[in-house]
Amino acid sequence: MPDEEYLKLQGMWMLLMRTIYTQEDDVAWFAVNGLTIHYSMREHALISGLDCHEYPKKYLKHESTKFVGYYFGGNEKITIKDVEQKLLAMKACHDILMMAVMFFLGRVIKGKPKDGGSLDPFILRIVDNLDACRRFPWDRLTSYDAIKKIKHMIEVMKGEVHEARGFPGFIIPLEVKHIV
């Protein structure tokens, strides 16, 4: 199959078009070939391989922005493009790992449809502590985001495929890769 711009998320669109509406906030259901498919944090963890244990106590209280302040000053709106530029301009040092982690978290884990949007404030705070980044249950965070975005896309699409729509966030576990 050719690699065309609108085929990149074809597998995702196929699932979205088969979504079953439910009131549940933490699960998505799909009907494919007469079978119902349950998609929740458990399935997301099995596919992604990310940890889904409980959030650490006071995880929202990561207050330090020392690293971000040093490299971005008092800039209120830090975009993924800003992080990418800083990362590419950095010389080899310990901080390059922190910048790379911030880029990964902002691009892959909490990605947005456009690079101009501000990074999630939580990412800007947690990147100061690489051990916290390593231990954090990223699956719990990404699965809730993915399910919330699936439900939002269903409302926006109203049963029709729109060619200019993107699906933000960590949907890699839901994507189907076309192999030529």
N, C-alpha and C. Protein backbone atom coordinates (compact mmCIF):
# COMPACT_ATOMS: atom_id res chain seq x y z
N MET A 1 0.85 -1.18 0.00
CA MET A 1 0.00 0.00 0.00
C MET A 1 0.90 1.24 0.00
N PRO A 2 0.59 2.22 -0.82
CA PRO A 2 1.44 3.42 -0.88
C PRO A 2 1.36 4.22 0.41
N ASP A 3 2.46 4.88 0.75
CA ASP A 3 2.51 5.72 1.94
C ASP A 3 2.03 7.12 1.57
N GLU A 4 0.76 7.36 1.76
CA GLU A 4 0.16 8.64 1.42
C GLU A 4 -0.19 9.40 2.69
N GLU A 5 -0.32 10.71 2.55
CA GLU A 5 -0.53 11.57 3.71
C GLU A 5 -1.75 11.15 4.53
N TYR A 6 -2.86 10.82 3.88
CA TYR A 6 -4.08 10.52 4.64
C TYR A 6 -4.23 9.05 4.98
N LEU A 7 -3.25 8.22 4.63
CA LEU A 7 -3.31 6.81 5.01
C LEU A 7 -2.53 6.53 6.28
N LYS A 8 -1.84 7.53 6.81
CA LYS A 8 -1.00 7.33 7.98
C LYS A 8 -1.77 6.78 9.17
N LEU A 9 -2.97 7.22 9.34
CA LEU A 9 -3.77 6.78 10.48
C LEU A 9 -4.99 5.97 10.04
N GLN A 10 -4.86 5.27 8.93
CA GLN A 10 -6.00 4.54 8.40
C GLN A 10 -6.54 3.53 9.41
N GLY A 11 -5.66 2.82 10.09
CA GLY A 11 -6.11 1.86 11.10
C GLY A 11 -6.87 2.54 12.23
N MET A 12 -6.39 3.70 12.64
CA MET A 12 -7.07 4.46 13.69
C MET A 12 -8.44 4.91 13.22
N TRP A 13 -8.53 5.40 11.98
CA TRP A 13 -9.83 5.83 11.46
C TRP A 13 -10.81 4.66 11.39
N MET A 14 -10.29 3.50 11.00
CA MET A 14 -11.17 2.32 10.91
C MET A 14 -11.76 2.01 12.28
N LEU A 15 -10.95 2.11 13.33
CA LEU A 15 -11.47 1.88 14.68
C LEU A 15 -12.44 2.98 15.09
N LEU A 16 -12.09 4.24 14.81
CA LEU A 16 -12.95 5.35 15.20
C LEU A 16 -14.34 5.22 14.57
N MET A 17 -14.38 4.77 13.35
CA MET A 17 -15.67 4.64 12.66
C MET A 17 -16.51 3.49 13.23
N ARG A 18 -15.90 2.66 14.04
CA ARG A 18 -16.60 1.51 14.63
C ARG A 18 -16.73 1.62 16.15
N THR A 19 -16.62 2.83 16.66
CA THR A 19 -16.70 3.05 18.10
C THR A 19 -18.14 2.94 18.57
N ILE A 20 -18.31 2.28 19.70
CA ILE A 20 -19.62 2.15 20.33
C ILE A 20 -19.71 3.22 21.41
N TYR A 21 -20.76 3.99 21.39
CA TYR A 21 -20.93 5.05 22.39
C TYR A 21 -21.27 4.43 23.74
N THR A 22 -20.54 4.86 24.78
CA THR A 22 -20.83 4.45 26.16
C THR A 22 -20.66 5.66 27.08
N GLN A 23 -21.21 5.56 28.26
CA GLN A 23 -21.09 6.62 29.26
C GLN A 23 -19.78 6.51 30.04
N GLU A 24 -19.11 5.37 29.94
CA GLU A 24 -17.88 5.14 30.70
C GLU A 24 -16.77 6.07 30.22
N ASP A 25 -16.06 6.67 31.19
CA ASP A 25 -14.99 7.60 30.85
C ASP A 25 -13.64 6.92 30.66
N ASP A 26 -13.47 5.73 31.21
CA ASP A 26 -12.15 5.11 31.21
C ASP A 26 -12.02 3.91 30.28
N VAL A 27 -12.95 3.77 29.34
CA VAL A 27 -12.91 2.64 28.42
C VAL A 27 -13.52 3.05 27.08
N ALA A 28 -13.02 2.45 26.01
CA ALA A 28 -13.61 2.65 24.69
C ALA A 28 -13.99 1.26 24.16
N TRP A 29 -15.10 1.20 23.46
CA TRP A 29 -15.56 -0.05 22.87
C TRP A 29 -15.66 0.12 21.36
N PHE A 30 -15.25 -0.92 20.63
CA PHE A 30 -15.33 -0.90 19.17
C PHE A 30 -16.06 -2.16 18.72
N ALA A 31 -16.81 -2.06 17.63
CA ALA A 31 -17.48 -3.22 17.04
C ALA A 31 -16.83 -3.48 15.69
N VAL A 32 -16.14 -4.62 15.58
CA VAL A 32 -15.45 -4.98 14.35
C VAL A 32 -15.83 -6.41 13.97
N ASN A 33 -16.38 -6.56 12.76
CA ASN A 33 -16.79 -7.87 12.25
C ASN A 33 -17.69 -8.63 13.23
N GLY A 34 -18.60 -7.92 13.86
CA GLY A 34 -19.54 -8.53 14.77
C GLY A 34 -19.01 -8.80 16.16
N LEU A 35 -17.77 -8.45 16.42
CA LEU A 35 -17.18 -8.65 17.75
C LEU A 35 -17.00 -7.31 18.44
N THR A 36 -17.18 -7.30 19.74
CA THR A 36 -16.91 -6.07 20.49
C THR A 36 -15.49 -6.14 21.04
N ILE A 37 -14.80 -5.03 20.93
CA ILE A 37 -13.42 -4.94 21.41
C ILE A 37 -13.38 -3.91 22.54
N HIS A 38 -12.87 -4.35 23.66
CA HIS A 38 -12.75 -3.52 24.86
C HIS A 38 -11.36 -2.89 24.86
N TYR A 39 -11.28 -1.57 25.04
CA TYR A 39 -9.99 -0.89 25.09
C TYR A 39 -9.95 -0.01 26.33
N SER A 40 -9.09 -0.40 27.27
CA SER A 40 -8.96 0.34 28.52
C SER A 40 -7.48 0.46 28.86
N MET A 41 -7.19 0.89 30.06
CA MET A 41 -5.81 1.04 30.50
C MET A 41 -5.07 -0.29 30.41
N ARG A 42 -5.73 -1.37 30.72
CA ARG A 42 -5.08 -2.68 30.69
C ARG A 42 -4.60 -3.03 29.29
N GLU A 43 -5.46 -2.87 28.31
CA GLU A 43 -5.09 -3.17 26.93
C GLU A 43 -4.00 -2.21 26.43
N HIS A 44 -4.13 -0.96 26.82
CA HIS A 44 -3.14 0.04 26.44
C HIS A 44 -1.76 -0.35 27.00
N ALA A 45 -1.73 -0.81 28.25
CA ALA A 45 -0.47 -1.21 28.88
C ALA A 45 0.10 -2.46 28.21
N LEU A 46 -0.76 -3.40 27.87
CA LEU A 46 -0.28 -4.62 27.22
C LEU A 46 0.34 -4.31 25.86
N ILE A 47 -0.25 -3.40 25.12
CA ILE A 47 0.25 -3.06 23.79
C ILE A 47 1.47 -2.15 23.87
N SER A 48 1.42 -1.15 24.74
CA SER A 48 2.49 -0.14 24.79
C SER A 48 3.70 -0.60 25.59
N GLY A 49 3.49 -1.44 26.60
CA GLY A 49 4.58 -1.86 27.46
C GLY A 49 4.93 -0.86 28.54
N LEU A 50 4.15 0.21 28.66
CA LEU A 50 4.40 1.22 29.68
C LEU A 50 3.80 0.79 31.02
N ASP A 51 4.32 1.34 32.11
CA ASP A 51 3.81 1.04 33.45
C ASP A 51 2.44 1.69 33.66
N CYS A 52 1.57 0.98 34.37
CA CYS A 52 0.24 1.54 34.65
C CYS A 52 -0.10 1.48 36.13
N HIS A 53 0.92 1.44 37.00
CA HIS A 53 0.65 1.41 38.44
C HIS A 53 0.04 2.75 38.88
N GLU A 54 -0.30 2.84 40.15
CA GLU A 54 -0.94 4.05 40.68
C GLU A 54 -0.02 5.26 40.56
N TYR A 55 -0.65 6.43 40.43
CA TYR A 55 0.13 7.66 40.43
C TYR A 55 0.83 7.81 41.77
N PRO A 56 2.06 8.33 41.77
CA PRO A 56 2.74 8.58 43.05
C PRO A 56 1.97 9.65 43.84
N LYS A 57 2.08 9.58 45.15
CA LYS A 57 1.44 10.61 45.98
C LYS A 57 2.04 11.96 45.62
N LYS A 58 1.18 12.93 45.54
CA LYS A 58 1.59 14.32 45.26
C LYS A 58 2.34 14.46 43.95
N TYR A 59 1.99 13.64 42.95
CA TYR A 59 2.72 13.72 41.69
C TYR A 59 2.51 15.06 40.98
N LEU A 60 1.42 15.70 41.24
CA LEU A 60 1.18 17.02 40.64
C LEU A 60 1.96 18.11 41.35
N LYS A 61 2.60 17.77 42.46
CA LYS A 61 3.33 18.76 43.26
C LYS A 61 4.79 18.91 42.85
N HIS A 62 5.22 18.24 41.78
CA HIS A 62 6.58 18.46 41.29
C HIS A 62 6.69 19.93 40.94
N GLU A 63 7.30 20.70 41.82
CA GLU A 63 7.30 22.16 41.68
C GLU A 63 8.52 22.72 40.96
N SER A 64 9.59 21.98 40.93
CA SER A 64 10.84 22.54 40.40
C SER A 64 10.78 22.74 38.90
N THR A 65 11.14 23.92 38.48
CA THR A 65 11.29 24.22 37.06
C THR A 65 12.67 24.83 36.83
N LYS A 66 13.62 24.41 37.64
CA LYS A 66 14.97 24.96 37.58
C LYS A 66 15.59 24.73 36.19
N PHE A 67 15.47 23.51 35.69
CA PHE A 67 16.03 23.18 34.38
C PHE A 67 15.38 24.00 33.28
N VAL A 68 14.07 24.04 33.27
CA VAL A 68 13.33 24.80 32.25
C VAL A 68 13.65 26.29 32.37
N GLY A 69 13.71 26.79 33.59
CA GLY A 69 14.03 28.20 33.80
C GLY A 69 15.42 28.55 33.29
N TYR A 70 16.37 27.66 33.47
CA TYR A 70 17.74 27.91 33.03
C TYR A 70 17.82 28.01 31.50
N TYR A 71 17.12 27.11 30.80
CA TYR A 71 17.22 27.08 29.34
C TYR A 71 16.19 27.94 28.61
N PHE A 72 15.06 28.19 29.24
CA PHE A 72 14.00 28.93 28.55
C PHE A 72 13.62 30.23 29.25
N GLY A 73 14.29 30.55 30.33
CA GLY A 73 14.00 31.80 31.05
C GLY A 73 12.58 31.82 31.58
N GLY A 74 11.97 32.97 31.55
CA GLY A 74 10.60 33.13 32.04
C GLY A 74 9.56 32.91 30.96
N ASN A 75 9.95 32.26 29.88
CA ASN A 75 9.02 32.03 28.77
C ASN A 75 7.83 31.21 29.24
N GLU A 76 6.65 31.77 29.13
CA GLU A 76 5.43 31.09 29.57
C GLU A 76 5.00 29.99 28.59
N LYS A 77 5.23 30.22 27.30
CA LYS A 77 4.80 29.28 26.28
C LYS A 77 6.02 28.60 25.66
N ILE A 78 6.29 27.38 26.09
CA ILE A 78 7.41 26.61 25.55
C ILE A 78 6.80 25.54 24.64
N THR A 79 7.18 25.58 23.38
CA THR A 79 6.64 24.64 22.40
C THR A 79 7.64 23.52 22.14
N ILE A 80 7.18 22.48 21.46
CA ILE A 80 8.06 21.38 21.11
C ILE A 80 9.14 21.84 20.13
N LYS A 81 8.81 22.81 19.31
CA LYS A 81 9.81 23.38 18.39
C LYS A 81 10.93 24.07 19.17
N ASP A 82 10.57 24.79 20.24
CA ASP A 82 11.58 25.42 21.09
C ASP A 82 12.52 24.38 21.69
N VAL A 83 11.94 23.30 22.18
CA VAL A 83 12.73 22.23 22.81
C VAL A 83 13.63 21.58 21.76
N GLU A 84 13.09 21.33 20.59
CA GLU A 84 13.88 20.71 19.52
C GLU A 84 15.08 21.58 19.14
N GLN A 85 14.85 22.88 19.02
CA GLN A 85 15.94 23.80 18.67
C GLN A 85 17.03 23.80 19.74
N LYS A 86 16.62 23.84 21.01
CA LYS A 86 17.60 23.82 22.11
C LYS A 86 18.37 22.49 22.11
N LEU A 87 17.65 21.40 21.91
CA LEU A 87 18.27 20.07 21.92
C LEU A 87 19.32 19.95 20.82
N LEU A 88 18.99 20.39 19.63
CA LEU A 88 19.92 20.30 18.51
C LEU A 88 21.13 21.21 18.67
N ALA A 89 20.96 22.30 19.41
CA ALA A 89 22.06 23.26 19.60
C ALA A 89 22.96 22.90 20.78
N MET A 90 22.54 21.95 21.62
CA MET A 90 23.30 21.63 22.84
C MET A 90 24.55 20.82 22.53
N LYS A 91 25.57 21.08 23.30
CA LYS A 91 26.80 20.28 23.27
C LYS A 91 26.60 19.11 24.25
N ALA A 92 27.43 18.10 24.15
CA ALA A 92 27.33 16.93 25.02
C ALA A 92 27.52 17.34 26.48
N CYS A 93 26.51 17.08 27.29
CA CYS A 93 26.56 17.36 28.73
C CYS A 93 25.41 16.60 29.39
N HIS A 94 25.33 16.66 30.72
CA HIS A 94 24.26 15.96 31.44
C HIS A 94 22.89 16.52 31.07
N ASP A 95 22.81 17.81 30.84
CA ASP A 95 21.53 18.44 30.54
C ASP A 95 20.92 17.99 29.21
N ILE A 96 21.75 17.46 28.32
CA ILE A 96 21.21 17.03 27.03
C ILE A 96 20.24 15.86 27.22
N LEU A 97 20.50 15.02 28.22
CA LEU A 97 19.58 13.92 28.52
C LEU A 97 18.24 14.46 29.00
N MET A 98 18.26 15.46 29.87
CA MET A 98 17.02 16.05 30.36
C MET A 98 16.25 16.72 29.22
N MET A 99 16.96 17.38 28.32
CA MET A 99 16.31 18.03 27.18
C MET A 99 15.72 16.97 26.25
N ALA A 100 16.44 15.86 26.04
CA ALA A 100 15.93 14.78 25.19
C ALA A 100 14.69 14.14 25.81
N VAL A 101 14.70 13.97 27.13
CA VAL A 101 13.52 13.42 27.81
C VAL A 101 12.34 14.37 27.65
N MET A 102 12.59 15.67 27.82
CA MET A 102 11.51 16.64 27.65
C MET A 102 10.97 16.61 26.22
N PHE A 103 11.85 16.47 25.24
CA PHE A 103 11.43 16.37 23.84
C PHE A 103 10.59 15.12 23.63
N PHE A 104 11.04 13.98 24.15
CA PHE A 104 10.30 12.73 24.00
C PHE A 104 8.93 12.81 24.66
N LEU A 105 8.89 13.31 25.88
CA LEU A 105 7.61 13.42 26.58
C LEU A 105 6.65 14.37 25.86
N GLY A 106 7.18 15.47 25.37
CA GLY A 106 6.35 16.46 24.69
C GLY A 106 5.94 16.06 23.29
N ARG A 107 6.75 15.28 22.60
CA ARG A 107 6.46 14.88 21.23
C ARG A 107 5.68 13.56 21.16
N VAL A 108 6.10 12.58 21.94
CA VAL A 108 5.52 11.24 21.83
C VAL A 108 4.45 10.98 22.89
N ILE A 109 4.80 11.16 24.14
CA ILE A 109 3.88 10.79 25.23
C ILE A 109 2.70 11.74 25.34
N LYS A 110 2.93 13.04 25.33
CA LYS A 110 1.85 14.03 25.44
C LYS A 110 1.81 14.90 24.19
N GLY A 111 1.99 14.28 23.02
CA GLY A 111 2.04 15.02 21.77
C GLY A 111 0.75 15.75 21.45
N LYS A 112 0.90 16.81 20.69
CA LYS A 112 -0.25 17.61 20.25
C LYS A 112 -0.27 17.61 18.73
N PRO A 113 -1.41 17.93 18.13
CA PRO A 113 -1.49 17.86 16.66
C PRO A 113 -0.58 18.85 15.96
N LYS A 114 -0.28 19.94 16.61
CA LYS A 114 0.59 20.95 16.00
C LYS A 114 1.73 21.27 16.95
N ASP A 115 2.89 21.57 16.37
CA ASP A 115 4.08 21.83 17.19
C ASP A 115 4.05 23.19 17.88
N GLY A 116 3.10 24.04 17.55
CA GLY A 116 3.06 25.38 18.11
C GLY A 116 2.41 25.46 19.48
N GLY A 117 1.74 24.40 19.92
CA GLY A 117 1.07 24.43 21.22
C GLY A 117 2.06 24.32 22.37
N SER A 118 1.70 24.88 23.50
CA SER A 118 2.55 24.83 24.69
C SER A 118 2.68 23.41 25.21
N LEU A 119 3.86 23.11 25.74
CA LEU A 119 4.06 21.82 26.38
C LEU A 119 3.24 21.76 27.67
N ASP A 120 2.84 20.56 28.02
CA ASP A 120 2.10 20.33 29.25
C ASP A 120 2.94 20.80 30.44
N PRO A 121 2.38 21.62 31.33
CA PRO A 121 3.14 22.11 32.49
C PRO A 121 3.70 20.99 33.37
N PHE A 122 3.02 19.85 33.42
CA PHE A 122 3.52 18.72 34.21
C PHE A 122 4.86 18.24 33.65
N ILE A 123 4.99 18.18 32.34
CA ILE A 123 6.24 17.76 31.72
C ILE A 123 7.36 18.74 32.06
N LEU A 124 7.05 20.01 32.04
CA LEU A 124 8.05 21.02 32.35
C LEU A 124 8.56 20.90 33.78
N ARG A 125 7.71 20.37 34.68
CA ARG A 125 8.12 20.21 36.07
C ARG A 125 8.82 18.87 36.32
N ILE A 126 8.30 17.79 35.75
CA ILE A 126 8.85 16.46 36.07
C ILE A 126 10.22 16.24 35.45
N VAL A 127 10.53 16.95 34.37
CA VAL A 127 11.81 16.73 33.70
C VAL A 127 12.99 17.10 34.58
N ASP A 128 12.77 17.87 35.63
CA ASP A 128 13.84 18.20 36.58
C ASP A 128 14.32 16.97 37.36
N ASN A 129 13.50 15.94 37.42
CA ASN A 129 13.82 14.75 38.21
C ASN A 129 13.74 13.52 37.29
N LEU A 130 14.87 13.10 36.75
CA LEU A 130 14.87 11.97 35.81
C LEU A 130 14.43 10.67 36.46
N ASP A 131 14.70 10.49 37.76
CA ASP A 131 14.23 9.29 38.46
C ASP A 131 12.71 9.27 38.51
N ALA A 132 12.10 10.41 38.75
CA ALA A 132 10.63 10.49 38.74
C ALA A 132 10.09 10.20 37.35
N CYS A 133 10.78 10.68 36.32
CA CYS A 133 10.36 10.39 34.94
C CYS A 133 10.42 8.89 34.67
N ARG A 134 11.45 8.24 35.16
CA ARG A 134 11.64 6.81 34.94
C ARG A 134 10.56 5.99 35.66
N ARG A 135 10.18 6.41 36.86
CA ARG A 135 9.23 5.64 37.67
C ARG A 135 7.77 6.00 37.41
N PHE A 136 7.50 7.10 36.72
CA PHE A 136 6.13 7.58 36.56
C PHE A 136 5.30 6.59 35.72
N PRO A 137 4.03 6.38 36.09
CA PRO A 137 3.16 5.45 35.34
C PRO A 137 2.62 6.11 34.06
N TRP A 138 3.45 6.22 33.05
CA TRP A 138 3.07 6.92 31.82
C TRP A 138 1.89 6.26 31.12
N ASP A 139 1.73 4.95 31.28
CA ASP A 139 0.58 4.30 30.64
C ASP A 139 -0.73 4.81 31.20
N ARG A 140 -0.79 4.98 32.50
CA ARG A 140 -2.02 5.49 33.13
C ARG A 140 -2.38 6.84 32.52
N LEU A 141 -1.41 7.71 32.38
CA LEU A 141 -1.64 9.04 31.82
C LEU A 141 -2.02 8.97 30.35
N THR A 142 -1.29 8.20 29.56
CA THR A 142 -1.55 8.15 28.12
C THR A 142 -2.84 7.40 27.78
N SER A 143 -3.19 6.38 28.55
CA SER A 143 -4.43 5.65 28.23
C SER A 143 -5.65 6.53 28.49
N TYR A 144 -5.65 7.26 29.60
CA TYR A 144 -6.77 8.17 29.86
C TYR A 144 -6.88 9.23 28.77
N ASP A 145 -5.72 9.78 28.36
CA ASP A 145 -5.72 10.78 27.29
C ASP A 145 -6.25 10.18 25.99
N ALA A 146 -5.78 8.98 25.63
CA ALA A 146 -6.20 8.36 24.37
C ALA A 146 -7.70 8.11 24.36
N ILE A 147 -8.23 7.58 25.44
CA ILE A 147 -9.67 7.29 25.48
C ILE A 147 -10.47 8.59 25.43
N LYS A 148 -10.01 9.60 26.15
CA LYS A 148 -10.69 10.90 26.12
C LYS A 148 -10.68 11.47 24.70
N LYS A 149 -9.56 11.35 24.00
CA LYS A 149 -9.46 11.88 22.64
C LYS A 149 -10.26 11.06 21.64
N ILE A 150 -10.35 9.76 21.86
CA ILE A 150 -11.21 8.93 21.00
C ILE A 150 -12.65 9.41 21.11
N LYS A 151 -13.12 9.60 22.32
CA LYS A 151 -14.51 10.05 22.52
C LYS A 151 -14.73 11.45 21.94
N HIS A 152 -13.72 12.32 22.07
CA HIS A 152 -13.83 13.67 21.50
C HIS A 152 -13.89 13.61 19.97
N MET A 153 -13.05 12.78 19.36
CA MET A 153 -13.04 12.68 17.90
C MET A 153 -14.36 12.14 17.38
N ILE A 154 -14.98 11.23 18.09
CA ILE A 154 -16.27 10.69 17.67
C ILE A 154 -17.31 11.81 17.65
N GLU A 155 -17.30 12.64 18.68
CA GLU A 155 -18.23 13.77 18.73
C GLU A 155 -17.98 14.75 17.59
N VAL A 156 -16.71 15.03 17.32
CA VAL A 156 -16.36 16.00 16.27
C VAL A 156 -16.68 15.46 14.88
N MET A 157 -16.40 14.18 14.64
CA MET A 157 -16.60 13.60 13.31
C MET A 157 -18.06 13.44 12.93
N LYS A 158 -18.91 13.18 13.90
CA LYS A 158 -20.34 12.96 13.66
C LYS A 158 -20.57 11.91 12.58
N GLY A 159 -19.80 10.82 12.64
CA GLY A 159 -20.00 9.71 11.71
C GLY A 159 -19.37 9.87 10.35
N GLU A 160 -18.61 10.95 10.12
CA GLU A 160 -17.99 11.16 8.81
C GLU A 160 -16.48 11.33 8.97
N VAL A 161 -15.75 10.85 7.98
CA VAL A 161 -14.30 11.01 7.98
C VAL A 161 -13.97 12.38 7.40
N HIS A 162 -13.14 13.12 8.09
CA HIS A 162 -12.69 14.43 7.63
C HIS A 162 -11.20 14.32 7.34
N GLU A 163 -10.79 14.62 6.12
CA GLU A 163 -9.40 14.39 5.74
C GLU A 163 -8.39 15.25 6.48
N ALA A 164 -8.78 16.39 6.99
CA ALA A 164 -7.82 17.29 7.64
C ALA A 164 -7.70 17.06 9.14
N ARG A 165 -8.30 16.02 9.67
CA ARG A 165 -8.25 15.76 11.11
C ARG A 165 -7.00 15.00 11.49
N GLY A 166 -6.40 15.40 12.58
CA GLY A 166 -5.28 14.66 13.15
C GLY A 166 -5.73 14.08 14.48
N PHE A 167 -4.98 13.12 14.97
CA PHE A 167 -5.30 12.52 16.26
C PHE A 167 -4.10 12.72 17.17
N PRO A 168 -4.19 13.68 18.09
CA PRO A 168 -3.05 14.00 18.94
C PRO A 168 -2.84 12.98 20.04
N GLY A 169 -1.66 13.00 20.60
CA GLY A 169 -1.39 12.19 21.77
C GLY A 169 -0.72 10.87 21.45
N PHE A 170 -0.60 10.04 22.44
CA PHE A 170 0.10 8.77 22.34
C PHE A 170 -0.85 7.70 21.84
N ILE A 171 -0.93 7.56 20.52
CA ILE A 171 -1.81 6.55 19.96
C ILE A 171 -1.02 5.45 19.27
N ILE A 172 0.27 5.44 19.46
CA ILE A 172 1.10 4.43 18.82
C ILE A 172 0.56 3.02 19.05
N PRO A 173 0.08 2.68 20.25
CA PRO A 173 -0.47 1.34 20.43
C PRO A 173 -1.71 1.07 19.57
N LEU A 174 -2.36 2.09 19.07
CA LEU A 174 -3.56 1.90 18.26
C LEU A 174 -3.29 2.01 16.76
N GLU A 175 -2.14 2.51 16.38
CA GLU A 175 -1.84 2.70 14.96
C GLU A 175 -1.54 1.37 14.29
N VAL A 176 -1.86 1.33 13.02
CA VAL A 176 -1.53 0.16 12.21
C VAL A 176 -0.48 0.62 11.21
N LYS A 177 0.67 -0.02 11.22
CA LYS A 177 1.76 0.36 10.31
C LYS A 177 1.58 -0.42 9.02
N HIS A 178 1.58 0.30 7.89
CA HIS A 178 1.49 -0.35 6.58
C HIS A 178 2.88 -0.76 6.13
N ILE A 179 3.04 -2.00 5.81
CA ILE A 179 4.33 -2.50 5.34
C ILE A 179 4.21 -2.79 3.85
N VAL A 180 5.11 -2.18 3.08
CA VAL A 180 5.07 -2.34 1.63
C VAL A 180 5.79 -3.61 1.27
